Amino acid sequence: MSFNKNLPYNNLPLLPPKGEIETKEVLKKAITANKALAKLVGSGKQLPNQSILLNSIVLHEAKLSSEIENIITTNDELYQAFASDKKISDPNTKEVLHYQEALWQGFQTVKKRGLITTNLMVSICNIIKETDAGIRKTTGTKIANHKTGEVIYTPPEGEDVIKKLLHNLEQYVNLDDDGVDPLIKMAVMHYQFEAIHPFTDGNGRTGRILNILYLVKNNLLEIPILYLSKYIMDHKPKYYTSLRNVTDKNDWKDWILYVLDGVEQTALYTQNKIDAIIDLRNKTEQEVKAKLPDMYSKELVEVIFRQPYCKRKFLEDAQLVKKKTAGVYLNELERIGVFKSKKVGKEKLYFNKKLFDILKK
């Protein structure tokens, strides 16, 4: 039976895809994408502590990935919410922070178990949506053009059908000795997950988290710092067209080339961002060492660069200073221009504008 966009696609072909996916053009692009990814990993290793990148870059990705689903918050609201004890009232900011939590928990699970499972997919989506709904059981789900209302795609229907397709996807992504380049397999995985559309909501964000976890699983990344969300936002029409062409025409080549180009361009973009953070960190370290020699330590600089907002508790938790001294340190750092203080709720936060400016680009 051929594909009909108005009927549930219960006969979605199982993986691996039929036909040749590793064409000469695709393999050539995979080489350049892998090189860019390896250079990115090398840049990250230049940091004394790579976890400096995690909070800041992961939060920025959470924002961009959520924007694809029209969940909009500002960088400033997001970083403030992450640093502040103030109760978060904005639902969009809450959702973005849930995404960050889901990504982090998924990363820990994959590092520990080395597998991407259906249970992991469910767990990620449940955290993003703050629900325990799990796999979609309701009927009538359709993906439509939000402007015209025209149905674009009707995903598979029925819990058993969806579970069978997810089990097949799970087997495919965890099979490591099939000789297919992992970046090509990631593109296939991403399409298949989008086509299965296993959840009532949160599928797009869950799928984008799975991309990064797949790279970690295959040792192409040590920490989760490469995200395709910006590339997808910048090339949104091509994203949806290429996805649809796999479904309508079994055209894997354009979709895989799209994803590989996304990996390559995003790796270069992220590498530039990391290089700029490293440069700013080194300059800040020299400045603190020269102007505040009695206060200086490498650990202090790490706390300064953990995220754009800092507060006394961060210094205390890092066991750098006693409670009374933390405020003195932060005020001195403000005096030499590293921070600018802001009142958020009842708290005083210290804003690293130079780091913020790098991250928001």
Foldseek 3Di string as FASTA:
>chain_A
DADDQVDAPLPPDFDDAPDDQCDPVLVVLLVLLLVLLLVLQVLCVVDPDSLLQLPLLLLLLLQLLVVVVVLHDDPVLLQCVVADPDDDDRVSSVLSVLLSVLLVVLLVVCVVPLFDALVNLQSSQCSSVVHNPGFDADDDDFDADPVPRHTLHRHHHHPVSLVVRRVSLRVQLSDDPPPDDLLLNLLVSLLSQVRNVGDPDDSSSSSQSVSQSSCCSVVSHVDRRFGLSVVCVVVVVQQVVQSSCCRNPVPSHSSSSSSSVSSNVRSVLSSVLSVQLVVVLVVLLVLCCVPPVVLHDPLVSSQCSSHFKHALVSCVVSVSDDSVCSVVVLVVCVVSPQWDWDCDPNGIITGRVSNVVSSVD
